[in-house]
């Protein structure tokens, strides 16, 4: 599965709870607002036209740039620094 790209990690059964918790904590420290926008876009992508999806993506980017996390993310990307997101 790893070789085929279906799985990104293999964990022994007894190590699974700790690994799952670590992954959840890592995700929670990420850009949660952007995750929400991405989920919304993914839910709509199969029922919307390409033009409609592109419009929704442009609007999502605009909304994201109006948030504190969006500005932090872009700034850190440009400066090649690690970002710290707060969900705002």
PDB file of N, CA and C in Angstrom:
ATOM      1  N   UNK A   1       0.817  -1.192   0.000  1.00  0.00           N
ATOM      2  CA  UNK A   1       0.000   0.000   0.000  1.00  0.00           C
ATOM      3  C   UNK A   1       0.864   1.260   0.000  1.00  0.00           C
ATOM      4  N   UNK A   2       1.946   1.236   0.753  1.00  0.00           N
ATOM      5  CA  UNK A   2       2.838   2.392   0.737  1.00  0.00           C
ATOM      6  C   UNK A   2       3.414   2.619  -0.654  1.00  0.00           C
ATOM      7  N   UNK A   3       3.865   1.562  -1.299  1.00  0.00           N
ATOM      8  CA  UNK A   3       4.450   1.677  -2.630  1.00  0.00           C
ATOM      9  C   UNK A   3       3.447   2.185  -3.658  1.00  0.00           C
ATOM     10  N   UNK A   4       2.201   1.852  -3.505  1.00  0.00           N
ATOM     11  CA  UNK A   4       1.160   2.274  -4.439  1.00  0.00           C
ATOM     12  C   UNK A   4       0.604   3.662  -4.125  1.00  0.00           C
ATOM     13  N   UNK A   5       0.977   4.220  -2.989  1.00  0.00           N
ATOM     14  CA  UNK A   5       0.489   5.528  -2.597  1.00  0.00           C
ATOM     15  C   UNK A   5      -0.891   5.517  -1.968  1.00  0.00           C
ATOM     16  N   UNK A   6      -1.374   4.320  -1.603  1.00  0.00           N
ATOM     17  CA  UNK A   6      -2.697   4.208  -0.976  1.00  0.00           C
ATOM     18  C   UNK A   6      -2.621   4.567   0.507  1.00  0.00           C
ATOM     19  N   UNK A   7      -1.493   4.257   1.132  1.00  0.00           N
ATOM     20  CA  UNK A   7      -1.283   4.559   2.549  1.00  0.00           C
ATOM     21  C   UNK A   7      -0.051   5.445   2.677  1.00  0.00           C
ATOM     22  N   UNK A   8      -0.031   6.287   3.681  1.00  0.00           N
ATOM     23  CA  UNK A   8       1.120   7.156   3.908  1.00  0.00           C
ATOM     24  C   UNK A   8       1.950   6.713   5.106  1.00  0.00           C
ATOM     25  N   UNK A   9       1.426   5.755   5.873  1.00  0.00           N
ATOM     26  CA  UNK A   9       2.118   5.314   7.078  1.00  0.00           C
ATOM     27  C   UNK A   9       1.625   3.925   7.463  1.00  0.00           C
ATOM     28  N   UNK A  10       2.502   3.131   8.007  1.00  0.00           N
ATOM     29  CA  UNK A  10       2.130   1.835   8.572  1.00  0.00           C
ATOM     30  C   UNK A  10       2.487   1.846  10.045  1.00  0.00           C
ATOM     31  N   UNK A  11       1.564   1.383  10.875  1.00  0.00           N
ATOM     32  CA  UNK A  11       1.758   1.421  12.313  1.00  0.00           C
ATOM     33  C   UNK A  11       1.352   0.074  12.904  1.00  0.00           C
ATOM     34  N   UNK A  12       2.150  -0.406  13.846  1.00  0.00           N
ATOM     35  CA  UNK A  12       1.798  -1.647  14.536  1.00  0.00           C
ATOM     36  C   UNK A  12       0.498  -1.440  15.308  1.00  0.00           C
ATOM     37  N   UNK A  13      -0.273  -2.505  15.436  1.00  0.00           N
ATOM     38  CA  UNK A  13      -1.596  -2.429  16.074  1.00  0.00           C
ATOM     39  C   UNK A  13      -1.533  -1.766  17.446  1.00  0.00           C
ATOM     40  N   UNK A  14      -0.565  -2.130  18.259  1.00  0.00           N
ATOM     41  CA  UNK A  14      -0.489  -1.580  19.617  1.00  0.00           C
ATOM     42  C   UNK A  14      -0.040  -0.110  19.633  1.00  0.00           C
ATOM     43  N   UNK A  15       0.562   0.371  18.551  1.00  0.00           N
ATOM     44  CA  UNK A  15       0.996   1.762  18.473  1.00  0.00           C
ATOM     45  C   UNK A  15      -0.043   2.665  17.813  1.00  0.00           C
ATOM     46  N   UNK A  16      -1.124   2.075  17.315  1.00  0.00           N
ATOM     47  CA  UNK A  16      -2.119   2.834  16.566  1.00  0.00           C
ATOM     48  C   UNK A  16      -2.774   3.962  17.361  1.00  0.00           C
ATOM     49  N   UNK A  17      -3.233   3.730  18.597  1.00  0.00           N
ATOM     50  CA  UNK A  17      -3.872   4.845  19.328  1.00  0.00           C
ATOM     51  C   UNK A  17      -2.943   6.047  19.516  1.00  0.00           C
ATOM     52  N   UNK A  18      -1.694   5.802  19.847  1.00  0.00           N
ATOM     53  CA  UNK A  18      -0.754   6.910  20.050  1.00  0.00           C
ATOM     54  C   UNK A  18      -0.489   7.643  18.740  1.00  0.00           C
ATOM     55  N   UNK A  19      -0.344   6.898  17.655  1.00  0.00           N
ATOM     56  CA  UNK A  19      -0.093   7.513  16.345  1.00  0.00           C
ATOM     57  C   UNK A  19      -1.304   8.325  15.889  1.00  0.00           C
ATOM     58  N   UNK A  20      -2.505   7.797  16.104  1.00  0.00           N
ATOM     59  CA  UNK A  20      -3.724   8.517  15.727  1.00  0.00           C
ATOM     60  C   UNK A  20      -3.856   9.817  16.526  1.00  0.00           C
ATOM     61  N   UNK A  21      -3.547   9.767  17.802  1.00  0.00           N
ATOM     62  CA  UNK A  21      -3.601  10.962  18.642  1.00  0.00           C
ATOM     63  C   UNK A  21      -2.588  11.995  18.170  1.00  0.00           C
ATOM     64  N   UNK A  22      -1.381  11.548  17.853  1.00  0.00           N
ATOM     65  CA  UNK A  22      -0.345  12.467  17.373  1.00  0.00           C
ATOM     66  C   UNK A  22      -0.759  13.120  16.059  1.00  0.00           C
ATOM     67  N   UNK A  23      -1.352  12.334  15.168  1.00  0.00           N
ATOM     68  CA  UNK A  23      -1.803  12.887  13.894  1.00  0.00           C
ATOM     69  C   UNK A  23      -2.929  13.895  14.107  1.00  0.00           C
ATOM     70  N   UNK A  24      -3.862  13.590  14.997  1.00  0.00           N
ATOM     71  CA  UNK A  24      -4.970  14.505  15.281  1.00  0.00           C
ATOM     72  C   UNK A  24      -4.455  15.816  15.869  1.00  0.00           C
ATOM     73  N   UNK A  25      -3.476  15.733  16.760  1.00  0.00           N
ATOM     74  CA  UNK A  25      -2.907  16.945  17.340  1.00  0.00           C
ATOM     75  C   UNK A  25      -2.193  17.782  16.284  1.00  0.00           C
ATOM     76  N   UNK A  26      -1.513  17.114  15.359  1.00  0.00           N
ATOM     77  CA  UNK A  26      -0.821  17.822  14.286  1.00  0.00           C
ATOM     78  C   UNK A  26      -1.825  18.531  13.373  1.00  0.00           C
ATOM     79  N   UNK A  27      -2.891  17.845  13.028  1.00  0.00           N
ATOM     80  CA  UNK A  27      -3.918  18.445  12.181  1.00  0.00           C
ATOM     81  C   UNK A  27      -4.574  19.631  12.882  1.00  0.00           C
ATOM     82  N   UNK A  28      -4.827  19.492  14.175  1.00  0.00           N
ATOM     83  CA  UNK A  28      -5.476  20.557  14.939  1.00  0.00           C
ATOM     84  C   UNK A  28      -4.614  21.817  15.018  1.00  0.00           C
ATOM     85  N   UNK A  29      -3.308  21.680  14.867  1.00  0.00           N
ATOM     86  CA  UNK A  29      -2.415  22.839  14.889  1.00  0.00           C
ATOM     87  C   UNK A  29      -2.315  23.510  13.518  1.00  0.00           C
ATOM     88  N   UNK A  30      -2.903  22.900  12.517  1.00  0.00           N
ATOM     89  CA  UNK A  30      -2.829  23.418  11.155  1.00  0.00           C
ATOM     90  C   UNK A  30      -3.862  24.505  10.904  1.00  0.00           C
ATOM     91  N   UNK A  31      -3.987  24.896   9.655  1.00  0.00           N
ATOM     92  CA  UNK A  31      -4.910  25.968   9.279  1.00  0.00           C
ATOM     93  C   UNK A  31      -6.356  25.458   9.220  1.00  0.00           C
ATOM     94  N   UNK A  32      -6.998  25.355  10.351  1.00  0.00           N
ATOM     95  CA  UNK A  32      -8.318  24.733  10.444  1.00  0.00           C
ATOM     96  C   UNK A  32      -9.372  25.443   9.597  1.00  0.00           C
ATOM     97  N   UNK A  33      -9.263  26.761   9.472  1.00  0.00           N
ATOM     98  CA  UNK A  33     -10.219  27.480   8.623  1.00  0.00           C
ATOM     99  C   UNK A  33     -10.043  27.083   7.161  1.00  0.00           C
ATOM    100  N   UNK A  34      -8.803  26.939   6.732  1.00  0.00           N
ATOM    101  CA  UNK A  34      -8.532  26.511   5.358  1.00  0.00           C
ATOM    102  C   UNK A  34      -8.981  25.067   5.152  1.00  0.00           C
ATOM    103  N   UNK A  35      -8.824  24.232   6.163  1.00  0.00           N
ATOM    104  CA  UNK A  35      -9.320  22.857   6.069  1.00  0.00           C
ATOM    105  C   UNK A  35     -10.828  22.860   5.832  1.00  0.00           C
ATOM    106  N   UNK A  36     -11.532  23.734   6.535  1.00  0.00           N
ATOM    107  CA  UNK A  36     -12.982  23.825   6.378  1.00  0.00           C
ATOM    108  C   UNK A  36     -13.369  24.266   4.975  1.00  0.00           C
ATOM    109  N   UNK A  37     -12.653  25.262   4.454  1.00  0.00           N
ATOM    110  CA  UNK A  37     -12.918  25.724   3.077  1.00  0.00           C
ATOM    111  C   UNK A  37     -12.646  24.600   2.085  1.00  0.00           C
ATOM    112  N   UNK A  38     -11.563  23.874   2.286  1.00  0.00           N
ATOM    113  CA  UNK A  38     -11.216  22.775   1.394  1.00  0.00           C
ATOM    114  C   UNK A  38     -12.283  21.696   1.419  1.00  0.00           C
ATOM    115  N   UNK A  39     -12.766  21.372   2.600  1.00  0.00           N
ATOM    116  CA  UNK A  39     -13.818  20.356   2.715  1.00  0.00           C
ATOM    117  C   UNK A  39     -15.083  20.810   1.983  1.00  0.00           C
ATOM    118  N   UNK A  40     -15.445  22.071   2.151  1.00  0.00           N
ATOM    119  CA  UNK A  40     -16.626  22.601   1.477  1.00  0.00           C
ATOM    120  C   UNK A  40     -16.464  22.522  -0.042  1.00  0.00           C
ATOM    121  N   UNK A  41     -15.283  22.892  -0.528  1.00  0.00           N
ATOM    122  CA  UNK A  41     -15.025  22.835  -1.970  1.00  0.00           C
ATOM    123  C   UNK A  41     -15.069  21.392  -2.483  1.00  0.00           C
ATOM    124  N   UNK A  42     -14.510  20.467  -1.726  1.00  0.00           N
ATOM    125  CA  UNK A  42     -14.533  19.063  -2.142  1.00  0.00           C
ATOM    126  C   UNK A  42     -15.951  18.516  -2.186  1.00  0.00           C
ATOM    127  N   UNK A  43     -16.773  18.900  -1.230  1.00  0.00           N
ATOM    128  CA  UNK A  43     -18.157  18.421  -1.209  1.00  0.00           C
ATOM    129  C   UNK A  43     -18.945  18.904  -2.421  1.00  0.00           C
ATOM    130  N   UNK A  44     -18.582  20.085  -2.928  1.00  0.00           N
ATOM    131  CA  UNK A  44     -19.309  20.665  -4.057  1.00  0.00           C
ATOM    132  C   UNK A  44     -18.719  20.325  -5.421  1.00  0.00           C
ATOM    133  N   UNK A  45     -17.505  19.791  -5.455  1.00  0.00           N
ATOM    134  CA  UNK A  45     -16.797  19.677  -6.736  1.00  0.00           C
ATOM    135  C   UNK A  45     -17.465  18.730  -7.725  1.00  0.00           C
ATOM    136  N   UNK A  46     -18.209  17.748  -7.274  1.00  0.00           N
ATOM    137  CA  UNK A  46     -18.812  16.800  -8.199  1.00  0.00           C
ATOM    138  C   UNK A  46     -20.166  17.274  -8.739  1.00  0.00           C
ATOM    139  N   UNK A  47     -20.736  18.266  -8.086  1.00  0.00           N
ATOM    140  CA  UNK A  47     -22.035  18.754  -8.545  1.00  0.00           C
ATOM    141  C   UNK A  47     -21.954  20.117  -9.226  1.00  0.00           C
ATOM    142  N   UNK A  48     -20.776  20.704  -9.252  1.00  0.00           N
ATOM    143  CA  UNK A  48     -20.605  22.029  -9.831  1.00  0.00           C
ATOM    144  C   UNK A  48     -19.848  21.925 -11.152  1.00  0.00           C
ATOM    145  N   UNK A  49     -20.028  22.898 -12.015  1.00  0.00           N
ATOM    146  CA  UNK A  49     -19.269  22.947 -13.273  1.00  0.00           C
ATOM    147  C   UNK A  49     -17.841  23.386 -12.954  1.00  0.00           C
ATOM    148  N   UNK A  50     -16.947  23.227 -13.909  1.00  0.00           N
ATOM    149  CA  UNK A  50     -15.569  23.681 -13.726  1.00  0.00           C
ATOM    150  C   UNK A  50     -15.539  25.177 -13.448  1.00  0.00           C
ATOM    151  N   UNK A  51     -16.316  25.934 -14.210  1.00  0.00           N
ATOM    152  CA  UNK A  51     -16.349  27.383 -14.023  1.00  0.00           C
ATOM    153  C   UNK A  51     -16.893  27.743 -12.639  1.00  0.00           C
ATOM    154  N   UNK A  52     -17.940  27.033 -12.229  1.00  0.00           N
ATOM    155  CA  UNK A  52     -18.513  27.273 -10.901  1.00  0.00           C
ATOM    156  C   UNK A  52     -17.535  26.931  -9.795  1.00  0.00           C
ATOM    157  N   UNK A  53     -16.826  25.828  -9.954  1.00  0.00           N
ATOM    158  CA  UNK A  53     -15.851  25.420  -8.955  1.00  0.00           C
ATOM    159  C   UNK A  53     -14.701  26.427  -8.875  1.00  0.00           C
ATOM    160  N   UNK A  54     -14.246  26.893 -10.019  1.00  0.00           N
ATOM    161  CA  UNK A  54     -13.164  27.882 -10.024  1.00  0.00           C
ATOM    162  C   UNK A  54     -13.611  29.175  -9.337  1.00  0.00           C
ATOM    163  N   UNK A  55     -14.857  29.562  -9.572  1.00  0.00           N
ATOM    164  CA  UNK A  55     -15.406  30.756  -8.910  1.00  0.00           C
ATOM    165  C   UNK A  55     -15.452  30.550  -7.404  1.00  0.00           C
ATOM    166  N   UNK A  56     -15.913  29.378  -6.965  1.00  0.00           N
ATOM    167  CA  UNK A  56     -15.978  29.089  -5.531  1.00  0.00           C
ATOM    168  C   UNK A  56     -14.580  29.051  -4.906  1.00  0.00           C
ATOM    169  N   UNK A  57     -13.603  28.519  -5.634  1.00  0.00           N
ATOM    170  CA  UNK A  57     -12.234  28.506  -5.133  1.00  0.00           C
ATOM    171  C   UNK A  57     -11.686  29.920  -4.982  1.00  0.00           C
ATOM    172  N   UNK A  58     -11.956  30.777  -5.963  1.00  0.00           N
ATOM    173  CA  UNK A  58     -11.505  32.171  -5.886  1.00  0.00           C
ATOM    174  C   UNK A  58     -12.141  32.863  -4.678  1.00  0.00           C
ATOM    175  N   UNK A  59     -13.418  32.606  -4.450  1.00  0.00           N
ATOM    176  CA  UNK A  59     -14.102  33.204  -3.299  1.00  0.00           C
ATOM    177  C   UNK A  59     -13.531  32.666  -1.982  1.00  0.00           C
ATOM    178  N   UNK A  60     -13.202  31.376  -1.956  1.00  0.00           N
ATOM    179  CA  UNK A  60     -12.627  30.773  -0.747  1.00  0.00           C
ATOM    180  C   UNK A  60     -11.257  31.375  -0.448  1.00  0.00           C
ATOM    181  N   UNK A  61     -10.456  31.579  -1.483  1.00  0.00           N
ATOM    182  CA  UNK A  61      -9.150  32.208  -1.292  1.00  0.00           C
ATOM    183  C   UNK A  61      -9.330  33.623  -0.758  1.00  0.00           C
ATOM    184  N   UNK A  62     -10.265  34.356  -1.328  1.00  0.00           N
ATOM    185  CA  UNK A  62     -10.528  35.729  -0.867  1.00  0.00           C
ATOM    186  C   UNK A  62     -10.962  35.731   0.601  1.00  0.00           C
ATOM    187  N   UNK A  63     -11.872  34.824   0.961  1.00  0.00           N
ATOM    188  CA  UNK A  63     -12.314  34.740   2.365  1.00  0.00           C
ATOM    189  C   UNK A  63     -11.143  34.396   3.266  1.00  0.00           C
ATOM    190  N   UNK A  64     -10.312  33.472   2.832  1.00  0.00           N
ATOM    191  CA  UNK A  64      -9.183  33.037   3.656  1.00  0.00           C
ATOM    192  C   UNK A  64      -8.179  34.157   3.879  1.00  0.00           C
ATOM    193  N   UNK A  65      -7.942  34.965   2.858  1.00  0.00           N
ATOM    194  CA  UNK A  65      -6.977  36.055   2.993  1.00  0.00           C
ATOM    195  C   UNK A  65      -7.475  37.159   3.916  1.00  0.00           C
ATOM    196  N   UNK A  66      -8.767  37.162   4.197  1.00  0.00           N
ATOM    197  CA  UNK A  66      -9.325  38.156   5.117  1.00  0.00           C
ATOM    198  C   UNK A  66      -9.224  37.713   6.571  1.00  0.00           C
ATOM    199  N   UNK A  67      -8.731  36.489   6.807  1.00  0.00           N
ATOM    200  CA  UNK A  67      -8.592  35.991   8.170  1.00  0.00           C
ATOM    201  C   UNK A  67      -7.160  36.194   8.660  1.00  0.00           C
ATOM    202  N   UNK A  68      -7.003  36.201   9.961  1.00  0.00           N
ATOM    203  CA  UNK A  68      -5.668  36.300  10.552  1.00  0.00           C
ATOM    204  C   UNK A  68      -4.808  35.114  10.125  1.00  0.00           C
ATOM    205  N   UNK A  69      -5.370  33.906  10.177  1.00  0.00           N
ATOM    206  CA  UNK A  69      -4.610  32.717   9.778  1.00  0.00           C
ATOM    207  C   UNK A  69      -4.187  32.780   8.315  1.00  0.00           C
ATOM    208  N   UNK A  70      -5.044  33.306   7.465  1.00  0.00           N
ATOM    209  CA  UNK A  70      -4.712  33.419   6.052  1.00  0.00           C
ATOM    210  C   UNK A  70      -3.524  34.326   5.824  1.00  0.00           C
ATOM    211  N   UNK A  71      -3.536  35.467   6.489  1.00  0.00           N
ATOM    212  CA  UNK A  71      -2.424  36.404   6.358  1.00  0.00           C
ATOM    213  C   UNK A  71      -1.134  35.810   6.928  1.00  0.00           C
ATOM    214  N   UNK A  72      -1.247  35.127   8.067  1.00  0.00           N
ATOM    215  CA  UNK A  72      -0.071  34.475   8.658  1.00  0.00           C
ATOM    216  C   UNK A  72       0.475  33.409   7.712  1.00  0.00           C
ATOM    217  N   UNK A  73      -0.412  32.598   7.163  1.00  0.00           N
ATOM    218  CA  UNK A  73       0.010  31.522   6.272  1.00  0.00           C
ATOM    219  C   UNK A  73       0.737  32.030   5.048  1.00  0.00           C
ATOM    220  N   UNK A  74       0.186  33.052   4.407  1.00  0.00           N
ATOM    221  CA  UNK A  74       0.824  33.608   3.208  1.00  0.00           C
ATOM    222  C   UNK A  74       2.170  34.237   3.578  1.00  0.00           C
ATOM    223  N   UNK A  75       2.191  34.995   4.648  1.00  0.00           N
ATOM    224  CA  UNK A  75       3.443  35.633   5.068  1.00  0.00           C
ATOM    225  C   UNK A  75       4.531  34.620   5.375  1.00  0.00           C
ATOM    226  N   UNK A  76       4.177  33.574   6.086  1.00  0.00           N
ATOM    227  CA  UNK A  76       5.160  32.540   6.422  1.00  0.00           C
ATOM    228  C   UNK A  76       5.598  31.768   5.187  1.00  0.00           C
ATOM    229  N   UNK A  77       4.682  31.548   4.243  1.00  0.00           N
ATOM    230  CA  UNK A  77       5.043  30.875   3.002  1.00  0.00           C
ATOM    231  C   UNK A  77       6.077  31.702   2.242  1.00  0.00           C
ATOM    232  N   UNK A  78       5.829  33.003   2.113  1.00  0.00           N
ATOM    233  CA  UNK A  78       6.735  33.881   1.375  1.00  0.00           C
ATOM    234  C   UNK A  78       8.098  33.946   2.068  1.00  0.00           C
ATOM    235  N   UNK A  79       8.077  33.989   3.394  1.00  0.00           N
ATOM    236  CA  UNK A  79       9.318  34.096   4.159  1.00  0.00           C
ATOM    237  C   UNK A  79       9.966  32.737   4.440  1.00  0.00           C
ATOM    238  N   UNK A  80       9.326  31.664   3.957  1.00  0.00           N
ATOM    239  CA  UNK A  80       9.816  30.299   4.175  1.00  0.00           C
ATOM    240  C   UNK A  80       9.995  29.998   5.663  1.00  0.00           C
ATOM    241  N   UNK A  81       8.970  30.359   6.441  1.00  0.00           N
ATOM    242  CA  UNK A  81       8.952  30.100   7.878  1.00  0.00           C
ATOM    243  C   UNK A  81       7.799  29.165   8.198  1.00  0.00           C
ATOM    244  N   UNK A  82       7.855  28.520   9.345  1.00  0.00           N
ATOM    245  CA  UNK A  82       6.746  27.699   9.818  1.00  0.00           C
ATOM    246  C   UNK A  82       5.671  28.598  10.413  1.00  0.00           C
ATOM    247  N   UNK A  83       4.434  28.322  10.082  1.00  0.00           N
ATOM    248  CA  UNK A  83       3.326  29.145  10.575  1.00  0.00           C
ATOM    249  C   UNK A  83       2.743  28.553  11.842  1.00  0.00           C
ATOM    250  N   UNK A  84       2.177  29.418  12.654  1.00  0.00           N
ATOM    251  CA  UNK A  84       1.438  29.017  13.846  1.00  0.00           C
ATOM    252  C   UNK A  84       0.025  29.574  13.700  1.00  0.00           C
ATOM    253  N   UNK A  85      -0.952  28.664  13.551  1.00  0.00           N
ATOM    254  CA  UNK A  85      -2.321  29.075  13.293  1.00  0.00           C
ATOM    255  C   UNK A  85      -3.155  29.074  14.561  1.00  0.00           C
ATOM    256  N   UNK A  86      -4.129  29.988  14.633  1.00  0.00           N
ATOM    257  CA  UNK A  86      -4.963  30.148  15.819  1.00  0.00           C
ATOM    258  C   UNK A  86      -6.452  29.938  15.537  1.00  0.00           C
ATOM    259  N   UNK A  87      -6.809  29.646  14.304  1.00  0.00           N
ATOM    260  CA  UNK A  87      -8.225  29.460  13.985  1.00  0.00           C
ATOM    261  C   UNK A  87      -9.001  30.748  13.902  1.00  0.00           C
ATOM    262  N   UNK A  88      -8.327  31.846  13.582  1.00  0.00           N
ATOM    263  CA  UNK A  88      -8.978  33.155  13.462  1.00  0.00           C
ATOM    264  C   UNK A  88      -8.705  33.753  12.103  1.00  0.00           C
TER     265      UNK A  88
END
